[in-house]
Amino acid sequence: MKRVVCVVEDEKDLNELVKRYLEREGYEVRSYLTYNDAFAHVEDDDVHLWVLDIMLDDKSGFELIDHIKNKTKEIPVIFMSARDKEFDRIIGLEKGSDDYITKPFSPKELVLRVNNIVRRVYKDYQTNLVVDGYEVDELQRVVYQNGKVVDLTTKEFDLLMLFAHNRGTAFSREQILIKVWEANYYGSDRVVDDTLRRLRRKLPNLSIHTIYGFGYRLG
């Protein structure tokens, strides 16, 4: 079962960017553009963390966190805001937030903060998965074989996670480029084949069903 993160951000492009980065990290992301959309899901029982923008149409993330904490005080919350004001940080902490990040920020930094909070709050949560005998720690982005670390590049690991989380789904090279290398990648789509070949050399026990089960073919 994936960890669920709710992202409440009224800037659609930023919302989508955060969603994409968190999904690549293995989270299930539910994104909301308005206060009312998010408020309708405050009672959801399967949410592990909320990421809230402070300014939301005619209301605020400060109001929303009150309802979230009334439901479950232990659920972690991260605020994000274009206002780098100590006053906002203090209010957020007083209302029970776990972190505060100022826009503009690196999506990777947000992912790291989410990972750290999830790891701290859900100590007993199973974070490792097993792929064809290899143990994968998604939060630390480490792959183990018989207790030893297998050295993978960032893209090799991302490609492995795409396979592991999307068995049975057919992707073209172009779709893999967008999901793993992102839309701003410029270069040959043969990079997919090259990365896959390196991944298979490093993880020779990968099942053909893991690699080809979603419809991708070399050549």
C-alpha atoms as a PDB file:
ATOM      1  CA  MET A   1       0.000   0.000   0.000  1.00  0.00           C
ATOM      2  CA  LYS A   2       1.352   3.403  -0.982  1.00  0.00           C
ATOM      3  CA  ARG A   3       1.542   6.345   1.377  1.00  0.00           C
ATOM      4  CA  VAL A   4      -1.032   8.997   0.524  1.00  0.00           C
ATOM      5  CA  VAL A   5      -0.104  12.678   0.296  1.00  0.00           C
ATOM      6  CA  CYS A   6      -2.706  15.401  -0.269  1.00  0.00           C
ATOM      7  CA  VAL A   7      -1.430  18.505  -2.056  1.00  0.00           C
ATOM      8  CA  VAL A   8      -3.503  21.688  -1.807  1.00  0.00           C
ATOM      9  CA  GLU A   9      -2.165  24.357  -4.180  1.00  0.00           C
ATOM     10  CA  ASP A  10      -4.184  26.741  -6.354  1.00  0.00           C
ATOM     11  CA  GLU A  11      -1.398  27.283  -8.905  1.00  0.00           C
ATOM     12  CA  LYS A  12      -2.190  24.484 -11.324  1.00  0.00           C
ATOM     13  CA  ASP A  13       1.310  24.174 -12.828  1.00  0.00           C
ATOM     14  CA  LEU A  14       2.978  24.028  -9.411  1.00  0.00           C
ATOM     15  CA  ASN A  15       0.350  21.586  -8.189  1.00  0.00           C
ATOM     16  CA  GLU A  16       1.082  19.279 -11.122  1.00  0.00           C
ATOM     17  CA  LEU A  17       4.849  19.629 -10.664  1.00  0.00           C
ATOM     18  CA  VAL A  18       4.706  18.690  -6.978  1.00  0.00           C
ATOM     19  CA  LYS A  19       2.320  15.830  -7.768  1.00  0.00           C
ATOM     20  CA  ARG A  20       4.640  14.442 -10.431  1.00  0.00           C
ATOM     21  CA  TYR A  21       7.723  14.520  -8.205  1.00  0.00           C
ATOM     22  CA  LEU A  22       5.940  12.874  -5.278  1.00  0.00           C
ATOM     23  CA  GLU A  23       4.474  10.173  -7.517  1.00  0.00           C
ATOM     24  CA  ARG A  24       7.934   9.412  -8.874  1.00  0.00           C
ATOM     25  CA  GLU A  25       8.989   8.894  -5.271  1.00  0.00           C
ATOM     26  CA  GLY A  26       6.294   6.239  -4.872  1.00  0.00           C
ATOM     27  CA  TYR A  27       3.538   8.226  -3.161  1.00  0.00           C
ATOM     28  CA  GLU A  28      -0.122   8.250  -4.071  1.00  0.00           C
ATOM     29  CA  VAL A  29      -0.929  11.935  -4.553  1.00  0.00           C
ATOM     30  CA  ARG A  30      -4.354  13.543  -4.347  1.00  0.00           C
ATOM     31  CA  SER A  31      -4.192  17.107  -5.572  1.00  0.00           C
ATOM     32  CA  TYR A  32      -6.722  19.873  -4.901  1.00  0.00           C
ATOM     33  CA  LEU A  33      -6.831  23.352  -6.392  1.00  0.00           C
ATOM     34  CA  THR A  34      -9.288  25.004  -4.011  1.00  0.00           C
ATOM     35  CA  TYR A  35     -10.031  25.154  -0.315  1.00  0.00           C
ATOM     36  CA  ASN A  36     -13.471  23.612  -0.791  1.00  0.00           C
ATOM     37  CA  ASP A  37     -12.105  20.700  -2.852  1.00  0.00           C
ATOM     38  CA  ALA A  38      -9.631  19.903  -0.089  1.00  0.00           C
ATOM     39  CA  PHE A  39     -12.118  20.477   2.728  1.00  0.00           C
ATOM     40  CA  ALA A  40     -14.378  17.802   1.241  1.00  0.00           C
ATOM     41  CA  HIS A  41     -11.618  15.239   1.928  1.00  0.00           C
ATOM     42  CA  VAL A  42     -10.496  16.272   5.402  1.00  0.00           C
ATOM     43  CA  GLU A  43     -12.327  13.257   6.839  1.00  0.00           C
ATOM     44  CA  ASP A  44     -10.507  10.752   4.603  1.00  0.00           C
ATOM     45  CA  ASP A  45      -8.983   8.064   6.838  1.00  0.00           C
ATOM     46  CA  ASP A  46      -6.141   6.904   4.598  1.00  0.00           C
ATOM     47  CA  VAL A  47      -4.129  10.138   4.260  1.00  0.00           C
ATOM     48  CA  HIS A  48      -0.573  10.121   5.630  1.00  0.00           C
ATOM     49  CA  LEU A  49       0.440  13.747   5.061  1.00  0.00           C
ATOM     50  CA  TRP A  50      -0.935  17.097   3.825  1.00  0.00           C
ATOM     51  CA  VAL A  51       0.993  19.740   1.861  1.00  0.00           C
ATOM     52  CA  LEU A  52      -0.900  23.035   2.135  1.00  0.00           C
ATOM     53  CA  ASP A  53      -0.518  26.370   0.415  1.00  0.00           C
ATOM     54  CA  ILE A  54      -1.290  29.207   2.837  1.00  0.00           C
ATOM     55  CA  MET A  55      -3.192  31.426   0.383  1.00  0.00           C
ATOM     56  CA  LEU A  56      -6.214  29.597  -1.065  1.00  0.00           C
ATOM     57  CA  ASP A  57      -8.840  31.613  -2.972  1.00  0.00           C
ATOM     58  CA  ASP A  58     -10.851  33.453  -0.295  1.00  0.00           C
ATOM     59  CA  LYS A  59      -9.623  31.247   2.575  1.00  0.00           C
ATOM     60  CA  SER A  60      -6.294  29.932   3.810  1.00  0.00           C
ATOM     61  CA  GLY A  61      -4.328  26.846   4.657  1.00  0.00           C
ATOM     62  CA  PHE A  62      -4.393  28.036   8.265  1.00  0.00           C
ATOM     63  CA  GLU A  63      -8.148  27.459   8.331  1.00  0.00           C
ATOM     64  CA  LEU A  64      -7.764  24.095   6.629  1.00  0.00           C
ATOM     65  CA  ILE A  65      -5.174  22.785   9.088  1.00  0.00           C
ATOM     66  CA  ASP A  66      -7.609  23.472  11.948  1.00  0.00           C
ATOM     67  CA  HIS A  67     -10.090  21.042  10.405  1.00  0.00           C
ATOM     68  CA  ILE A  68      -7.346  18.509   9.604  1.00  0.00           C
ATOM     69  CA  LYS A  69      -6.020  18.544  13.168  1.00  0.00           C
ATOM     70  CA  ASN A  70      -9.546  18.317  14.586  1.00  0.00           C
ATOM     71  CA  LYS A  71      -9.850  15.065  12.661  1.00  0.00           C
ATOM     72  CA  THR A  72      -6.431  13.629  13.628  1.00  0.00           C
ATOM     73  CA  LYS A  73      -3.879  15.636  15.574  1.00  0.00           C
ATOM     74  CA  GLU A  74      -1.047  13.265  14.665  1.00  0.00           C
ATOM     75  CA  ILE A  75      -1.289  13.686  10.892  1.00  0.00           C
ATOM     76  CA  PRO A  76       1.719  15.691   9.605  1.00  0.00           C
ATOM     77  CA  VAL A  77       1.294  18.927   7.632  1.00  0.00           C
ATOM     78  CA  ILE A  78       3.758  20.928   5.539  1.00  0.00           C
ATOM     79  CA  PHE A  79       2.975  24.533   4.671  1.00  0.00           C
ATOM     80  CA  MET A  80       4.255  26.154   1.494  1.00  0.00           C
ATOM     81  CA  SER A  81       3.971  29.856   0.822  1.00  0.00           C
ATOM     82  CA  ALA A  82       5.310  32.689  -1.305  1.00  0.00           C
ATOM     83  CA  ARG A  83       5.528  34.758   1.869  1.00  0.00           C
ATOM     84  CA  ASP A  84       8.756  34.244   3.751  1.00  0.00           C
ATOM     85  CA  LYS A  85       7.533  35.774   6.970  1.00  0.00           C
ATOM     86  CA  GLU A  86       8.445  34.675  10.462  1.00  0.00           C
ATOM     87  CA  PHE A  87       4.882  35.476  11.552  1.00  0.00           C
ATOM     88  CA  ASP A  88       3.468  32.895   9.130  1.00  0.00           C
ATOM     89  CA  ARG A  89       5.968  30.280  10.295  1.00  0.00           C
ATOM     90  CA  ILE A  90       5.043  30.883  13.922  1.00  0.00           C
ATOM     91  CA  ILE A  91       1.315  30.613  13.194  1.00  0.00           C
ATOM     92  CA  GLY A  92       1.922  27.403  11.274  1.00  0.00           C
ATOM     93  CA  LEU A  93       3.877  25.879  14.145  1.00  0.00           C
ATOM     94  CA  GLU A  94       1.260  26.978  16.671  1.00  0.00           C
ATOM     95  CA  LYS A  95      -1.403  25.252  14.594  1.00  0.00           C
ATOM     96  CA  GLY A  96       0.600  22.029  14.529  1.00  0.00           C
ATOM     97  CA  SER A  97       2.460  22.081  11.217  1.00  0.00           C
ATOM     98  CA  ASP A  98       5.612  19.986  10.869  1.00  0.00           C
ATOM     99  CA  ASP A  99       7.466  22.085   8.309  1.00  0.00           C
ATOM    100  CA  TYR A 100       7.311  25.272   6.222  1.00  0.00           C
ATOM    101  CA  ILE A 101       8.829  25.771   2.766  1.00  0.00           C
ATOM    102  CA  THR A 102       9.030  29.085   0.921  1.00  0.00           C
ATOM    103  CA  LYS A 103       8.282  29.519  -2.785  1.00  0.00           C
ATOM    104  CA  PRO A 104      10.030  29.275  -5.109  1.00  0.00           C
ATOM    105  CA  PHE A 105      11.450  25.962  -3.952  1.00  0.00           C
ATOM    106  CA  SER A 106      13.041  22.926  -5.521  1.00  0.00           C
ATOM    107  CA  PRO A 107      10.510  20.082  -5.873  1.00  0.00           C
ATOM    108  CA  LYS A 108      13.312  17.714  -4.871  1.00  0.00           C
ATOM    109  CA  GLU A 109      13.720  19.612  -1.602  1.00  0.00           C
ATOM    110  CA  LEU A 110      10.009  19.238  -0.898  1.00  0.00           C
ATOM    111  CA  VAL A 111      10.228  15.505  -1.623  1.00  0.00           C
ATOM    112  CA  LEU A 112      13.118  15.164   0.826  1.00  0.00           C
ATOM    113  CA  ARG A 113      11.144  16.981   3.518  1.00  0.00           C
ATOM    114  CA  VAL A 114       8.131  14.767   2.902  1.00  0.00           C
ATOM    115  CA  ASN A 115      10.333  11.660   3.075  1.00  0.00           C
ATOM    116  CA  ASN A 116      11.912  12.780   6.338  1.00  0.00           C
ATOM    117  CA  ILE A 117       8.576  13.496   7.989  1.00  0.00           C
ATOM    118  CA  VAL A 118       6.994  10.244   6.811  1.00  0.00           C
ATOM    119  CA  ARG A 119      10.011   8.310   8.065  1.00  0.00           C
ATOM    120  CA  ARG A 120       9.852  10.047  11.452  1.00  0.00           C
ATOM    121  CA  VAL A 121       6.090   9.865  11.987  1.00  0.00           C
ATOM    122  CA  TYR A 122       5.459   6.378  10.623  1.00  0.00           C
ATOM    123  CA  LYS A 123       8.376   4.497  12.169  1.00  0.00           C
ATOM    124  CA  ASP A 124       6.616   1.140  11.884  1.00  0.00           C
ATOM    125  CA  TYR A 125       5.494   1.738   8.312  1.00  0.00           C
ATOM    126  CA  GLN A 126       6.900  -0.777   5.834  1.00  0.00           C
ATOM    127  CA  THR A 127       8.908   1.275   3.345  1.00  0.00           C
ATOM    128  CA  ASN A 128      10.883  -1.427   1.553  1.00  0.00           C
ATOM    129  CA  LEU A 129       9.553  -3.475  -1.302  1.00  0.00           C
ATOM    130  CA  VAL A 130      10.951  -6.552  -2.975  1.00  0.00           C
ATOM    131  CA  VAL A 131      11.435  -6.707  -6.743  1.00  0.00           C
ATOM    132  CA  ASP A 132      12.564 -10.082  -8.068  1.00  0.00           C
ATOM    133  CA  GLY A 133      14.569 -10.750  -4.916  1.00  0.00           C
ATOM    134  CA  TYR A 134      16.079  -7.273  -4.672  1.00  0.00           C
ATOM    135  CA  GLU A 135      15.140  -5.213  -1.610  1.00  0.00           C
ATOM    136  CA  VAL A 136      14.323  -1.601  -2.474  1.00  0.00           C
ATOM    137  CA  ASP A 137      14.250   1.216   0.077  1.00  0.00           C
ATOM    138  CA  GLU A 138      12.237   3.852  -1.770  1.00  0.00           C
ATOM    139  CA  LEU A 139      12.767   6.596   0.790  1.00  0.00           C
ATOM    140  CA  GLN A 140      16.552   6.230   0.834  1.00  0.00           C
ATOM    141  CA  ARG A 141      16.563   5.297  -2.891  1.00  0.00           C
ATOM    142  CA  VAL A 142      18.795   2.291  -2.263  1.00  0.00           C
ATOM    143  CA  VAL A 143      18.675  -1.224  -3.739  1.00  0.00           C
ATOM    144  CA  TYR A 144      20.083  -4.201  -1.837  1.00  0.00           C
ATOM    145  CA  GLN A 145      21.085  -7.655  -3.054  1.00  0.00           C
ATOM    146  CA  ASN A 146      21.783 -10.133  -0.260  1.00  0.00           C
ATOM    147  CA  GLY A 147      22.296  -7.230   2.129  1.00  0.00           C
ATOM    148  CA  LYS A 148      24.778  -5.417  -0.123  1.00  0.00           C
ATOM    149  CA  VAL A 149      24.061  -2.088  -1.819  1.00  0.00           C
ATOM    150  CA  VAL A 150      23.760  -2.125  -5.611  1.00  0.00           C
ATOM    151  CA  ASP A 151      25.107   1.137  -7.024  1.00  0.00           C
ATOM    152  CA  LEU A 152      22.453   2.630  -9.324  1.00  0.00           C
ATOM    153  CA  THR A 153      22.361   6.031 -10.970  1.00  0.00           C
ATOM    154  CA  THR A 154      19.381   8.312 -10.357  1.00  0.00           C
ATOM    155  CA  LYS A 155      17.768   7.430 -13.678  1.00  0.00           C
ATOM    156  CA  GLU A 156      18.434   3.703 -13.301  1.00  0.00           C
ATOM    157  CA  PHE A 157      16.645   3.796  -9.952  1.00  0.00           C
ATOM    158  CA  ASP A 158      13.776   5.880 -11.380  1.00  0.00           C
ATOM    159  CA  LEU A 159      13.402   3.429 -14.267  1.00  0.00           C
ATOM    160  CA  LEU A 160      13.322   0.484 -11.863  1.00  0.00           C
ATOM    161  CA  MET A 161      10.600   2.194  -9.807  1.00  0.00           C
ATOM    162  CA  LEU A 162       8.581   2.890 -12.957  1.00  0.00           C
ATOM    163  CA  PHE A 163       8.681  -0.834 -13.730  1.00  0.00           C
ATOM    164  CA  ALA A 164       7.921  -1.896 -10.166  1.00  0.00           C
ATOM    165  CA  HIS A 165       4.889   0.365  -9.740  1.00  0.00           C
ATOM    166  CA  ASN A 166       3.356  -0.053 -13.201  1.00  0.00           C
ATOM    167  CA  ARG A 167       3.336  -3.744 -14.010  1.00  0.00           C
ATOM    168  CA  GLY A 168       0.784  -4.445 -16.689  1.00  0.00           C
ATOM    169  CA  THR A 169       0.851  -0.884 -18.072  1.00  0.00           C
ATOM    170  CA  ALA A 170       2.154  -0.321 -21.602  1.00  0.00           C
ATOM    171  CA  PHE A 171       4.482   2.664 -22.138  1.00  0.00           C
ATOM    172  CA  SER A 172       6.231   3.864 -25.277  1.00  0.00           C
ATOM    173  CA  ARG A 173       9.801   5.182 -25.178  1.00  0.00           C
ATOM    174  CA  GLU A 174       8.390   8.703 -25.420  1.00  0.00           C
ATOM    175  CA  GLN A 175       6.150   8.123 -22.389  1.00  0.00           C
ATOM    176  CA  ILE A 176       9.066   6.695 -20.404  1.00  0.00           C
ATOM    177  CA  LEU A 177      11.160   9.748 -21.300  1.00  0.00           C
ATOM    178  CA  ILE A 178       8.447  12.044 -19.943  1.00  0.00           C
ATOM    179  CA  LYS A 179       7.954  10.035 -16.753  1.00  0.00           C
ATOM    180  CA  VAL A 180      11.624   9.393 -15.954  1.00  0.00           C
ATOM    181  CA  TRP A 181      13.565  12.124 -17.783  1.00  0.00           C
ATOM    182  CA  GLU A 182      10.669  14.661 -17.750  1.00  0.00           C
ATOM    183  CA  ALA A 183       9.296  16.818 -20.537  1.00  0.00           C
ATOM    184  CA  ASN A 184      12.320  19.160 -20.702  1.00  0.00           C
ATOM    185  CA  TYR A 185      14.704  16.366 -21.790  1.00  0.00           C
ATOM    186  CA  TYR A 186      16.383  16.969 -25.151  1.00  0.00           C
ATOM    187  CA  GLY A 187      18.247  14.086 -26.702  1.00  0.00           C
ATOM    188  CA  SER A 188      17.860  10.666 -28.292  1.00  0.00           C
ATOM    189  CA  ASP A 189      15.153   8.343 -27.004  1.00  0.00           C
ATOM    190  CA  ARG A 190      17.810   5.617 -27.206  1.00  0.00           C
ATOM    191  CA  VAL A 191      18.796   6.764 -23.717  1.00  0.00           C
ATOM    192  CA  VAL A 192      15.919   4.560 -22.509  1.00  0.00           C
ATOM    193  CA  ASP A 193      17.470   1.452 -24.072  1.00  0.00           C
ATOM    194  CA  ASP A 194      20.943   2.338 -22.840  1.00  0.00           C
ATOM    195  CA  THR A 195      19.760   2.901 -19.279  1.00  0.00           C
ATOM    196  CA  LEU A 196      17.737  -0.316 -19.300  1.00  0.00           C
ATOM    197  CA  ARG A 197      20.739  -2.324 -20.507  1.00  0.00           C
ATOM    198  CA  ARG A 198      22.884  -0.919 -17.685  1.00  0.00           C
ATOM    199  CA  LEU A 199      20.111  -1.676 -15.198  1.00  0.00           C
ATOM    200  CA  ARG A 200      19.891  -5.275 -16.358  1.00  0.00           C
ATOM    201  CA  ARG A 201      23.664  -5.703 -16.063  1.00  0.00           C
ATOM    202  CA  LYS A 202      23.558  -4.438 -12.477  1.00  0.00           C
ATOM    203  CA  LEU A 203      20.385  -6.379 -11.598  1.00  0.00           C
ATOM    204  CA  PRO A 204      20.678  -9.569 -13.678  1.00  0.00           C
ATOM    205  CA  ASN A 205      17.908 -11.315 -11.748  1.00  0.00           C
ATOM    206  CA  LEU A 206      15.224  -8.892 -12.918  1.00  0.00           C
ATOM    207  CA  SER A 207      12.365 -10.958 -14.288  1.00  0.00           C
ATOM    208  CA  ILE A 208      11.409 -10.503 -17.896  1.00  0.00           C
ATOM    209  CA  HIS A 209       7.886  -9.896 -16.595  1.00  0.00           C
ATOM    210  CA  THR A 210       9.140  -6.967 -14.523  1.00  0.00           C
ATOM    211  CA  ILE A 211      10.854  -5.360 -17.497  1.00  0.00           C
ATOM    212  CA  TYR A 212       8.525  -6.296 -20.323  1.00  0.00           C
ATOM    213  CA  GLY A 213       5.282  -6.785 -18.431  1.00  0.00           C
ATOM    214  CA  PHE A 214       4.078  -3.291 -19.280  1.00  0.00           C
ATOM    215  CA  GLY A 215       4.640  -3.602 -23.017  1.00  0.00           C
ATOM    216  CA  TYR A 216       8.079  -2.037 -23.555  1.00  0.00           C
ATOM    217  CA  ARG A 217      10.415  -3.730 -26.030  1.00  0.00           C
ATOM    218  CA  LEU A 218      14.064  -3.164 -26.801  1.00  0.00           C
ATOM    219  CA  GLY A 219      15.080  -2.587 -30.391  1.00  0.00           C
END
